[in-house]
PDB file of N, CA and C in Angstrom:
ATOM      1  N   MET A   1      13.033 -11.609 -15.088  1.00  0.00           N
ATOM      2  CA  MET A   1      11.813 -10.909 -15.445  1.00  0.00           C
ATOM      3  C   MET A   1      10.799 -11.030 -14.330  1.00  0.00           C
ATOM      4  N   ALA A   2       9.684 -10.385 -14.509  1.00  0.00           N
ATOM      5  CA  ALA A   2       8.633 -10.407 -13.505  1.00  0.00           C
ATOM      6  C   ALA A   2       7.282 -10.523 -14.199  1.00  0.00           C
ATOM      7  N   LEU A   3       6.278 -10.833 -13.408  1.00  0.00           N
ATOM      8  CA  LEU A   3       4.931 -10.919 -13.946  1.00  0.00           C
ATOM      9  C   LEU A   3       4.467  -9.548 -14.420  1.00  0.00           C
ATOM     10  N   SER A   4       3.648  -9.549 -15.452  1.00  0.00           N
ATOM     11  CA  SER A   4       3.083  -8.320 -16.000  1.00  0.00           C
ATOM     12  C   SER A   4       2.149  -7.681 -14.984  1.00  0.00           C
ATOM     13  N   GLN A   5       1.644  -6.514 -15.329  1.00  0.00           N
ATOM     14  CA  GLN A   5       0.581  -5.921 -14.528  1.00  0.00           C
ATOM     15  C   GLN A   5      -0.613  -6.869 -14.546  1.00  0.00           C
ATOM     16  N   GLY A   6      -1.545  -6.707 -13.649  1.00  0.00           N
ATOM     17  CA  GLY A   6      -2.716  -7.555 -13.612  1.00  0.00           C
ATOM     18  C   GLY A   6      -3.816  -7.059 -14.542  1.00  0.00           C
ATOM     19  N   TYR A   7      -4.566  -8.001 -15.072  1.00  0.00           N
ATOM     20  CA  TYR A   7      -5.701  -7.705 -15.934  1.00  0.00           C
ATOM     21  C   TYR A   7      -6.926  -8.419 -15.386  1.00  0.00           C
ATOM     22  N   THR A   8      -8.106  -7.883 -15.635  1.00  0.00           N
ATOM     23  CA  THR A   8      -9.346  -8.513 -15.188  1.00  0.00           C
ATOM     24  C   THR A   8      -9.514  -9.858 -15.892  1.00  0.00           C
ATOM     25  N   TYR A   9      -9.870 -10.880 -15.110  1.00  0.00           N
ATOM     26  CA  TYR A   9      -9.987 -12.255 -15.609  1.00  0.00           C
ATOM     27  C   TYR A   9     -11.338 -12.444 -16.290  1.00  0.00           C
ATOM     28  N   ARG A  10     -11.427 -11.934 -17.519  1.00  0.00           N
ATOM     29  CA  ARG A  10     -12.618 -12.074 -18.350  1.00  0.00           C
ATOM     30  C   ARG A  10     -12.156 -12.393 -19.765  1.00  0.00           C
ATOM     31  N   MET A  11     -13.006 -13.058 -20.515  1.00  0.00           N
ATOM     32  CA  MET A  11     -12.646 -13.487 -21.865  1.00  0.00           C
ATOM     33  C   MET A  11     -12.184 -12.319 -22.727  1.00  0.00           C
ATOM     34  N   VAL A  12     -12.880 -11.204 -22.685  1.00  0.00           N
ATOM     35  CA  VAL A  12     -12.509 -10.063 -23.525  1.00  0.00           C
ATOM     36  C   VAL A  12     -11.103  -9.579 -23.178  1.00  0.00           C
ATOM     37  N   ASN A  13     -10.735  -9.547 -21.928  1.00  0.00           N
ATOM     38  CA  ASN A  13      -9.405  -9.089 -21.533  1.00  0.00           C
ATOM     39  C   ASN A  13      -8.336 -10.106 -21.914  1.00  0.00           C
ATOM     40  N   VAL A  14      -8.624 -11.379 -21.767  1.00  0.00           N
ATOM     41  CA  VAL A  14      -7.669 -12.414 -22.182  1.00  0.00           C
ATOM     42  C   VAL A  14      -7.422 -12.289 -23.680  1.00  0.00           C
ATOM     43  N   ASN A  15      -8.482 -12.133 -24.457  1.00  0.00           N
ATOM     44  CA  ASN A  15      -8.338 -12.034 -25.912  1.00  0.00           C
ATOM     45  C   ASN A  15      -7.572 -10.793 -26.352  1.00  0.00           C
ATOM     46  N   THR A  16      -7.664  -9.714 -25.599  1.00  0.00           N
ATOM     47  CA  THR A  16      -7.023  -8.468 -26.031  1.00  0.00           C
ATOM     48  C   THR A  16      -5.666  -8.217 -25.381  1.00  0.00           C
ATOM     49  N   THR A  17      -5.355  -8.865 -24.260  1.00  0.00           N
ATOM     50  CA  THR A  17      -4.103  -8.541 -23.566  1.00  0.00           C
ATOM     51  C   THR A  17      -3.150  -9.709 -23.376  1.00  0.00           C
ATOM     52  N   ALA A  18      -3.641 -10.930 -23.327  1.00  0.00           N
ATOM     53  CA  ALA A  18      -2.740 -12.077 -23.120  1.00  0.00           C
ATOM     54  C   ALA A  18      -1.990 -12.374 -24.418  1.00  0.00           C
ATOM     55  N   PRO A  19      -0.692 -12.615 -24.342  1.00  0.00           N
ATOM     56  CA  PRO A  19       0.083 -12.884 -25.549  1.00  0.00           C
ATOM     57  C   PRO A  19      -0.120 -14.312 -26.060  1.00  0.00           C
ATOM     58  N   THR A  20       0.164 -14.493 -27.335  1.00  0.00           N
ATOM     59  CA  THR A  20       0.124 -15.834 -27.922  1.00  0.00           C
ATOM     60  C   THR A  20       1.492 -16.499 -27.830  1.00  0.00           C
ATOM     61  N   ALA A  21       2.376 -15.924 -27.056  1.00  0.00           N
ATOM     62  CA  ALA A  21       3.737 -16.439 -26.880  1.00  0.00           C
ATOM     63  C   ALA A  21       3.814 -17.387 -25.682  1.00  0.00           C
ATOM     64  N   ALA A  22       4.963 -18.042 -25.544  1.00  0.00           N
ATOM     65  CA  ALA A  22       5.200 -18.984 -24.444  1.00  0.00           C
ATOM     66  C   ALA A  22       5.566 -18.243 -23.160  1.00  0.00           C
ATOM     67  N   GLY A  23       5.173 -18.832 -22.030  1.00  0.00           N
ATOM     68  CA  GLY A  23       5.529 -18.247 -20.744  1.00  0.00           C
ATOM     69  C   GLY A  23       4.760 -18.858 -19.602  1.00  0.00           C
ATOM     70  N   VAL A  24       4.688 -18.107 -18.520  1.00  0.00           N
ATOM     71  CA  VAL A  24       3.933 -18.520 -17.338  1.00  0.00           C
ATOM     72  C   VAL A  24       2.848 -17.484 -17.077  1.00  0.00           C
ATOM     73  N   TYR A  25       1.836 -17.903 -16.340  1.00  0.00           N
ATOM     74  CA  TYR A  25       0.739 -16.989 -16.016  1.00  0.00           C
ATOM     75  C   TYR A  25       0.286 -17.256 -14.584  1.00  0.00           C
ATOM     76  N   GLY A  26      -0.296 -16.256 -13.996  1.00  0.00           N
ATOM     77  CA  GLY A  26      -0.873 -16.383 -12.665  1.00  0.00           C
ATOM     78  C   GLY A  26      -2.327 -15.953 -12.706  1.00  0.00           C
ATOM     79  N   ILE A  27      -3.161 -16.678 -11.996  1.00  0.00           N
ATOM     80  CA  ILE A  27      -4.578 -16.333 -11.844  1.00  0.00           C
ATOM     81  C   ILE A  27      -4.763 -16.017 -10.366  1.00  0.00           C
ATOM     82  N   PHE A  28      -5.433 -14.903 -10.067  1.00  0.00           N
ATOM     83  CA  PHE A  28      -5.499 -14.452  -8.682  1.00  0.00           C
ATOM     84  C   PHE A  28      -6.827 -13.785  -8.360  1.00  0.00           C
ATOM     85  N   ARG A  29      -7.009 -13.536  -7.085  1.00  0.00           N
ATOM     86  CA  ARG A  29      -8.054 -12.641  -6.598  1.00  0.00           C
ATOM     87  C   ARG A  29      -7.353 -11.642  -5.680  1.00  0.00           C
ATOM     88  N   LYS A  30      -8.068 -10.702  -5.172  1.00  0.00           N
ATOM     89  CA  LYS A  30      -7.446  -9.609  -4.417  1.00  0.00           C
ATOM     90  C   LYS A  30      -6.560 -10.090  -3.275  1.00  0.00           C
ATOM     91  N   ASP A  31      -6.966 -11.144  -2.598  1.00  0.00           N
ATOM     92  CA  ASP A  31      -6.258 -11.567  -1.386  1.00  0.00           C
ATOM     93  C   ASP A  31      -5.447 -12.854  -1.525  1.00  0.00           C
ATOM     94  N   ALA A  32      -5.363 -13.426  -2.733  1.00  0.00           N
ATOM     95  CA  ALA A  32      -4.650 -14.703  -2.847  1.00  0.00           C
ATOM     96  C   ALA A  32      -4.302 -15.025  -4.297  1.00  0.00           C
ATOM     97  N   TRP A  33      -3.184 -15.725  -4.473  1.00  0.00           N
ATOM     98  CA  TRP A  33      -2.849 -16.333  -5.749  1.00  0.00           C
ATOM     99  C   TRP A  33      -3.610 -17.639  -5.830  1.00  0.00           C
ATOM    100  N   ILE A  34      -4.304 -17.869  -6.928  1.00  0.00           N
ATOM    101  CA  ILE A  34      -5.119 -19.076  -7.086  1.00  0.00           C
ATOM    102  C   ILE A  34      -4.356 -20.158  -7.837  1.00  0.00           C
ATOM    103  N   TYR A  35      -3.687 -19.796  -8.925  1.00  0.00           N
ATOM    104  CA  TYR A  35      -3.045 -20.809  -9.751  1.00  0.00           C
ATOM    105  C   TYR A  35      -1.932 -20.185 -10.578  1.00  0.00           C
ATOM    106  N   PHE A  36      -0.821 -20.903 -10.716  1.00  0.00           N
ATOM    107  CA  PHE A  36       0.249 -20.544 -11.637  1.00  0.00           C
ATOM    108  C   PHE A  36       0.365 -21.665 -12.658  1.00  0.00           C
ATOM    109  N   GLY A  37       0.472 -21.310 -13.937  1.00  0.00           N
ATOM    110  CA  GLY A  37       0.616 -22.306 -14.981  1.00  0.00           C
ATOM    111  C   GLY A  37       1.653 -21.897 -15.995  1.00  0.00           C
ATOM    112  N   GLU A  38       1.992 -22.825 -16.870  1.00  0.00           N
ATOM    113  CA  GLU A  38       2.920 -22.548 -17.961  1.00  0.00           C
ATOM    114  C   GLU A  38       2.282 -23.032 -19.251  1.00  0.00           C
ATOM    115  N   ALA A  39       2.647 -22.366 -20.338  1.00  0.00           N
ATOM    116  CA  ALA A  39       2.023 -22.721 -21.614  1.00  0.00           C
ATOM    117  C   ALA A  39       2.887 -22.283 -22.784  1.00  0.00           C
ATOM    118  N   ILE A  40       2.744 -22.987 -23.899  1.00  0.00           N
ATOM    119  CA  ILE A  40       3.367 -22.570 -25.150  1.00  0.00           C
ATOM    120  C   ILE A  40       2.671 -21.311 -25.670  1.00  0.00           C
ATOM    121  N   ASN A  41       1.356 -21.230 -25.445  1.00  0.00           N
ATOM    122  CA  ASN A  41       0.551 -20.087 -25.882  1.00  0.00           C
ATOM    123  C   ASN A  41      -0.290 -19.647 -24.680  1.00  0.00           C
ATOM    124  N   ILE A  42       0.122 -18.573 -24.036  1.00  0.00           N
ATOM    125  CA  ILE A  42      -0.544 -18.116 -22.809  1.00  0.00           C
ATOM    126  C   ILE A  42      -2.016 -17.797 -23.070  1.00  0.00           C
ATOM    127  N   ARG A  43      -2.303 -17.094 -24.145  1.00  0.00           N
ATOM    128  CA  ARG A  43      -3.705 -16.730 -24.431  1.00  0.00           C
ATOM    129  C   ARG A  43      -4.576 -17.968 -24.578  1.00  0.00           C
ATOM    130  N   ASP A  44      -4.141 -18.925 -25.387  1.00  0.00           N
ATOM    131  CA  ASP A  44      -4.941 -20.134 -25.590  1.00  0.00           C
ATOM    132  C   ASP A  44      -5.181 -20.873 -24.281  1.00  0.00           C
ATOM    133  N   ARG A  45      -4.169 -20.949 -23.424  1.00  0.00           N
ATOM    134  CA  ARG A  45      -4.327 -21.683 -22.168  1.00  0.00           C
ATOM    135  C   ARG A  45      -5.291 -20.969 -21.230  1.00  0.00           C
ATOM    136  N   LEU A  46      -5.226 -19.642 -21.151  1.00  0.00           N
ATOM    137  CA  LEU A  46      -6.170 -18.904 -20.319  1.00  0.00           C
ATOM    138  C   LEU A  46      -7.600 -19.049 -20.849  1.00  0.00           C
ATOM    139  N   ILE A  47      -7.749 -19.052 -22.167  1.00  0.00           N
ATOM    140  CA  ILE A  47      -9.075 -19.271 -22.754  1.00  0.00           C
ATOM    141  C   ILE A  47      -9.589 -20.656 -22.383  1.00  0.00           C
ATOM    142  N   GLN A  48      -8.716 -21.667 -22.405  1.00  0.00           N
ATOM    143  CA  GLN A  48      -9.131 -23.014 -21.981  1.00  0.00           C
ATOM    144  C   GLN A  48      -9.622 -22.992 -20.538  1.00  0.00           C
ATOM    145  N   HIS A  49      -8.911 -22.296 -19.671  1.00  0.00           N
ATOM    146  CA  HIS A  49      -9.361 -22.193 -18.275  1.00  0.00           C
ATOM    147  C   HIS A  49     -10.741 -21.548 -18.210  1.00  0.00           C
ATOM    148  N   LEU A  50     -10.939 -20.463 -18.908  1.00  0.00           N
ATOM    149  CA  LEU A  50     -12.232 -19.778 -18.866  1.00  0.00           C
ATOM    150  C   LEU A  50     -13.353 -20.610 -19.471  1.00  0.00           C
ATOM    151  N   ASP A  51     -13.059 -21.363 -20.518  1.00  0.00           N
ATOM    152  CA  ASP A  51     -14.083 -22.162 -21.204  1.00  0.00           C
ATOM    153  C   ASP A  51     -14.446 -23.450 -20.486  1.00  0.00           C
ATOM    154  N   SER A  52     -13.466 -24.101 -19.853  1.00  0.00           N
ATOM    155  CA  SER A  52     -13.725 -25.467 -19.394  1.00  0.00           C
ATOM    156  C   SER A  52     -13.527 -25.714 -17.906  1.00  0.00           C
ATOM    157  N   ASP A  53     -12.995 -24.777 -17.156  1.00  0.00           N
ATOM    158  CA  ASP A  53     -12.670 -25.085 -15.760  1.00  0.00           C
ATOM    159  C   ASP A  53     -13.883 -25.374 -14.894  1.00  0.00           C
ATOM    160  N   TYR A  54     -15.043 -24.826 -15.215  1.00  0.00           N
ATOM    161  CA  TYR A  54     -16.217 -25.119 -14.399  1.00  0.00           C
ATOM    162  C   TYR A  54     -16.579 -26.599 -14.470  1.00  0.00           C
ATOM    163  N   ARG A  55     -16.310 -27.227 -15.621  1.00  0.00           N
ATOM    164  CA  ARG A  55     -16.595 -28.655 -15.783  1.00  0.00           C
ATOM    165  C   ARG A  55     -15.410 -29.523 -15.387  1.00  0.00           C
ATOM    166  N   GLU A  56     -14.225 -29.168 -15.878  1.00  0.00           N
ATOM    167  CA  GLU A  56     -13.071 -30.055 -15.787  1.00  0.00           C
ATOM    168  C   GLU A  56     -12.199 -29.831 -14.559  1.00  0.00           C
ATOM    169  N   ASN A  57     -12.095 -28.605 -14.089  1.00  0.00           N
ATOM    170  CA  ASN A  57     -11.227 -28.291 -12.955  1.00  0.00           C
ATOM    171  C   ASN A  57     -11.863 -27.164 -12.154  1.00  0.00           C
ATOM    172  N   PRO A  58     -12.897 -27.466 -11.384  1.00  0.00           N
ATOM    173  CA  PRO A  58     -13.636 -26.406 -10.702  1.00  0.00           C
ATOM    174  C   PRO A  58     -12.868 -25.705  -9.582  1.00  0.00           C
ATOM    175  N   SER A  59     -11.698 -26.193  -9.205  1.00  0.00           N
ATOM    176  CA  SER A  59     -10.986 -25.553  -8.099  1.00  0.00           C
ATOM    177  C   SER A  59     -10.588 -24.119  -8.430  1.00  0.00           C
ATOM    178  N   ILE A  60     -10.275 -23.816  -9.674  1.00  0.00           N
ATOM    179  CA  ILE A  60      -9.927 -22.432 -10.023  1.00  0.00           C
ATOM    180  C   ILE A  60     -11.157 -21.534  -9.951  1.00  0.00           C
ATOM    181  N   PRO A  61     -12.240 -21.807 -10.672  1.00  0.00           N
ATOM    182  CA  PRO A  61     -13.395 -20.910 -10.571  1.00  0.00           C
ATOM    183  C   PRO A  61     -14.034 -20.886  -9.185  1.00  0.00           C
ATOM    184  N   ASN A  62     -13.954 -21.979  -8.438  1.00  0.00           N
ATOM    185  CA  ASN A  62     -14.516 -21.990  -7.091  1.00  0.00           C
ATOM    186  C   ASN A  62     -13.797 -21.033  -6.145  1.00  0.00           C
ATOM    187  N   ASN A  63     -12.568 -20.646  -6.496  1.00  0.00           N
ATOM    188  CA  ASN A  63     -11.810 -19.685  -5.688  1.00  0.00           C
ATOM    189  C   ASN A  63     -12.017 -18.245  -6.149  1.00  0.00           C
ATOM    190  N   LEU A  64     -12.970 -18.028  -7.036  1.00  0.00           N
ATOM    191  CA  LEU A  64     -13.423 -16.700  -7.463  1.00  0.00           C
ATOM    192  C   LEU A  64     -12.306 -15.802  -7.995  1.00  0.00           C
ATOM    193  N   PRO A  65     -11.648 -16.214  -9.084  1.00  0.00           N
ATOM    194  CA  PRO A  65     -10.577 -15.389  -9.637  1.00  0.00           C
ATOM    195  C   PRO A  65     -11.104 -14.063 -10.184  1.00  0.00           C
ATOM    196  N   THR A  66     -10.291 -13.026 -10.021  1.00  0.00           N
ATOM    197  CA  THR A  66     -10.646 -11.708 -10.537  1.00  0.00           C
ATOM    198  C   THR A  66      -9.613 -11.177 -11.519  1.00  0.00           C
ATOM    199  N   GLY A  67      -8.412 -11.765 -11.559  1.00  0.00           N
ATOM    200  CA  GLY A  67      -7.380 -11.225 -12.423  1.00  0.00           C
ATOM    201  C   GLY A  67      -6.393 -12.270 -12.896  1.00  0.00           C
ATOM    202  N   PHE A  68      -5.595 -11.859 -13.881  1.00  0.00           N
ATOM    203  CA  PHE A  68      -4.508 -12.704 -14.368  1.00  0.00           C
ATOM    204  C   PHE A  68      -3.334 -11.814 -14.728  1.00  0.00           C
ATOM    205  N   CYS A  69      -2.159 -12.405 -14.779  1.00  0.00           N
ATOM    206  CA  CYS A  69      -0.951 -11.738 -15.231  1.00  0.00           C
ATOM    207  C   CYS A  69      -0.078 -12.795 -15.894  1.00  0.00           C
ATOM    208  N   TYR A  70       1.017 -12.379 -16.485  1.00  0.00           N
ATOM    209  CA  TYR A  70       1.859 -13.332 -17.210  1.00  0.00           C
ATOM    210  C   TYR A  70       3.295 -12.849 -17.259  1.00  0.00           C
ATOM    211  N   GLU A  71       4.170 -13.761 -17.632  1.00  0.00           N
ATOM    212  CA  GLU A  71       5.568 -13.458 -17.913  1.00  0.00           C
ATOM    213  C   GLU A  71       5.982 -14.277 -19.124  1.00  0.00           C
ATOM    214  N   LEU A  72       6.562 -13.643 -20.121  1.00  0.00           N
ATOM    215  CA  LEU A  72       7.082 -14.372 -21.272  1.00  0.00           C
ATOM    216  C   LEU A  72       8.368 -15.076 -20.851  1.00  0.00           C
ATOM    217  N   VAL A  73       8.510 -16.334 -21.262  1.00  0.00           N
ATOM    218  CA  VAL A  73       9.680 -17.127 -20.891  1.00  0.00           C
ATOM    219  C   VAL A  73      10.210 -17.818 -22.141  1.00  0.00           C
ATOM    220  N   ALA A  74      11.453 -17.549 -22.473  1.00  0.00           N
ATOM    221  CA  ALA A  74      12.117 -18.214 -23.598  1.00  0.00           C
ATOM    222  C   ALA A  74      12.853 -19.440 -23.066  1.00  0.00           C
ATOM    223  N   GLY A  75      13.159 -20.376 -23.944  1.00  0.00           N
ATOM    224  CA  GLY A  75      13.996 -21.494 -23.540  1.00  0.00           C
ATOM    225  C   GLY A  75      13.300 -22.823 -23.407  1.00  0.00           C
ATOM    226  N   GLY A  76      12.049 -22.932 -23.759  1.00  0.00           N
ATOM    227  CA  GLY A  76      11.373 -24.218 -23.753  1.00  0.00           C
ATOM    228  C   GLY A  76      10.670 -24.561 -22.455  1.00  0.00           C
ATOM    229  N   LYS A  77      10.120 -25.768 -22.434  1.00  0.00           N
ATOM    230  CA  LYS A  77       9.284 -26.212 -21.313  1.00  0.00           C
ATOM    231  C   LYS A  77      10.036 -26.211 -19.989  1.00  0.00           C
ATOM    232  N   THR A  78      11.269 -26.662 -19.975  1.00  0.00           N
ATOM    233  CA  THR A  78      12.028 -26.696 -18.721  1.00  0.00           C
ATOM    234  C   THR A  78      12.122 -25.312 -18.109  1.00  0.00           C
ATOM    235  N   ALA A  79      12.414 -24.309 -18.911  1.00  0.00           N
ATOM    236  CA  ALA A  79      12.502 -22.935 -18.411  1.00  0.00           C
ATOM    237  C   ALA A  79      11.150 -22.440 -17.905  1.00  0.00           C
ATOM    238  N   ARG A  80      10.073 -22.796 -18.603  1.00  0.00           N
ATOM    239  CA  ARG A  80       8.737 -22.375 -18.158  1.00  0.00           C
ATOM    240  C   ARG A  80       8.357 -23.038 -16.840  1.00  0.00           C
ATOM    241  N   VAL A  81       8.616 -24.318 -16.706  1.00  0.00           N
ATOM    242  CA  VAL A  81       8.288 -25.023 -15.464  1.00  0.00           C
ATOM    243  C   VAL A  81       9.109 -24.456 -14.309  1.00  0.00           C
ATOM    244  N   GLN A  82      10.372 -24.143 -14.552  1.00  0.00           N
ATOM    245  CA  GLN A  82      11.196 -23.544 -13.491  1.00  0.00           C
ATOM    246  C   GLN A  82      10.629 -22.190 -13.061  1.00  0.00           C
ATOM    247  N   ALA A  83      10.206 -21.383 -14.018  1.00  0.00           N
ATOM    248  CA  ALA A  83       9.609 -20.083 -13.678  1.00  0.00           C
ATOM    249  C   ALA A  83       8.301 -20.271 -12.919  1.00  0.00           C
ATOM    250  N   GLN A  84       7.473 -21.202 -13.362  1.00  0.00           N
ATOM    251  CA  GLN A  84       6.211 -21.497 -12.681  1.00  0.00           C
ATOM    252  C   GLN A  84       6.489 -21.916 -11.233  1.00  0.00           C
ATOM    253  N   ASP A  85       7.417 -22.834 -11.051  1.00  0.00           N
ATOM    254  CA  ASP A  85       7.744 -23.317  -9.708  1.00  0.00           C
ATOM    255  C   ASP A  85       8.264 -22.190  -8.814  1.00  0.00           C
ATOM    256  N   ARG A  86       9.045 -21.299  -9.393  1.00  0.00           N
ATOM    257  CA  ARG A  86       9.563 -20.164  -8.632  1.00  0.00           C
ATOM    258  C   ARG A  86       8.411 -19.319  -8.080  1.00  0.00           C
ATOM    259  N   TYR A  87       7.384 -19.077  -8.898  1.00  0.00           N
ATOM    260  CA  TYR A  87       6.227 -18.303  -8.428  1.00  0.00           C
ATOM    261  C   TYR A  87       5.412 -19.064  -7.394  1.00  0.00           C
ATOM    262  N   ILE A  88       5.218 -20.348  -7.596  1.00  0.00           N
ATOM    263  CA  ILE A  88       4.476 -21.153  -6.613  1.00  0.00           C
ATOM    264  C   ILE A  88       5.183 -21.114  -5.261  1.00  0.00           C
ATOM    265  N   LEU A  89       6.488 -21.300  -5.281  1.00  0.00           N
ATOM    266  CA  LEU A  89       7.255 -21.326  -4.024  1.00  0.00           C
ATOM    267  C   LEU A  89       7.340 -19.953  -3.365  1.00  0.00           C
ATOM    268  N   SER A  90       7.439 -18.883  -4.154  1.00  0.00           N
ATOM    269  CA  SER A  90       7.597 -17.557  -3.556  1.00  0.00           C
ATOM    270  C   SER A  90       6.277 -16.902  -3.162  1.00  0.00           C
ATOM    271  N   HIS A  91       5.189 -17.203  -3.879  1.00  0.00           N
ATOM    272  CA  HIS A  91       3.916 -16.541  -3.606  1.00  0.00           C
ATOM    273  C   HIS A  91       2.859 -17.452  -2.993  1.00  0.00           C
ATOM    274  N   GLY A  92       3.042 -18.763  -3.113  1.00  0.00           N
ATOM    275  CA  GLY A  92       1.989 -19.674  -2.678  1.00  0.00           C
ATOM    276  C   GLY A  92       0.881 -19.721  -3.722  1.00  0.00           C
ATOM    277  N   SER A  93       0.014 -20.690  -3.597  1.00  0.00           N
ATOM    278  CA  SER A  93      -1.081 -20.868  -4.541  1.00  0.00           C
ATOM    279  C   SER A  93      -2.151 -21.738  -3.908  1.00  0.00           C
ATOM    280  N   LEU A  94      -3.404 -21.381  -4.132  1.00  0.00           N
ATOM    281  CA  LEU A  94      -4.499 -22.170  -3.574  1.00  0.00           C
ATOM    282  C   LEU A  94      -4.738 -23.464  -4.332  1.00  0.00           C
ATOM    283  N   CYS A  95      -4.360 -23.526  -5.613  1.00  0.00           N
ATOM    284  CA  CYS A  95      -4.713 -24.686  -6.443  1.00  0.00           C
ATOM    285  C   CYS A  95      -3.552 -25.503  -6.969  1.00  0.00           C
ATOM    286  N   ASN A  96      -2.327 -24.970  -6.989  1.00  0.00           N
ATOM    287  CA  ASN A  96      -1.195 -25.785  -7.441  1.00  0.00           C
ATOM    288  C   ASN A  96      -0.855 -26.789  -6.351  1.00  0.00           C
ATOM    289  N   ARG A  97      -0.806 -28.046  -6.709  1.00  0.00           N
ATOM    290  CA  ARG A  97      -0.537 -29.103  -5.735  1.00  0.00           C
ATOM    291  C   ARG A  97       0.945 -29.404  -5.565  1.00  0.00           C
ATOM    292  N   LYS A  98       1.713 -29.234  -6.628  1.00  0.00           N
ATOM    293  CA  LYS A  98       3.126 -29.568  -6.540  1.00  0.00           C
ATOM    294  C   LYS A  98       3.899 -28.746  -7.542  1.00  0.00           C
ATOM    295  N   VAL A  99       5.176 -28.676  -7.336  1.00  0.00           N
ATOM    296  CA  VAL A  99       6.051 -27.984  -8.289  1.00  0.00           C
ATOM    297  C   VAL A  99       6.660 -29.004  -9.231  1.00  0.00           C
ATOM    298  N   GLY A 100       7.125 -28.533 -10.378  1.00  0.00           N
ATOM    299  CA  GLY A 100       7.811 -29.407 -11.319  1.00  0.00           C
ATOM    300  C   GLY A 100       6.918 -30.122 -12.301  1.00  0.00           C
ATOM    301  N   SER A 101       5.677 -29.656 -12.495  1.00  0.00           N
ATOM    302  CA  SER A 101       4.813 -30.337 -13.465  1.00  0.00           C
ATOM    303  C   SER A 101       4.028 -29.341 -14.272  1.00  0.00           C
TER     304      SER A 101
END
C-alpha cells in the first residue's frame, strides 16, 4: 500500500479525514517530511499531536507542518512499526530519531 493523498494539517481536517483505524501517518510541509508515526487510532494520535506537541514535543510544530497523510496497516504493532520504518528510511524525516520504535 501507499500513503493517502495529503490533507491540510488542521484539527478540522484531522477530525473529518483521518481514520479511526490502525496504521501509519506522515506529517509534512511542502519541502520536507517532518515525522512518521504509527498508531492504533490514527485520528486520535494526530489530535494528540495537534493538542499537545507545542508543550510536550515542540520539534514537530517548530518545523511548521502543513499537511498529513496516512496508510491503514493490518497485522498489529509489528506491522505498523515496519511500515513506519520503511517510510523513515525511504523518505527521511526531520524529527524521527531512530527506526524500530
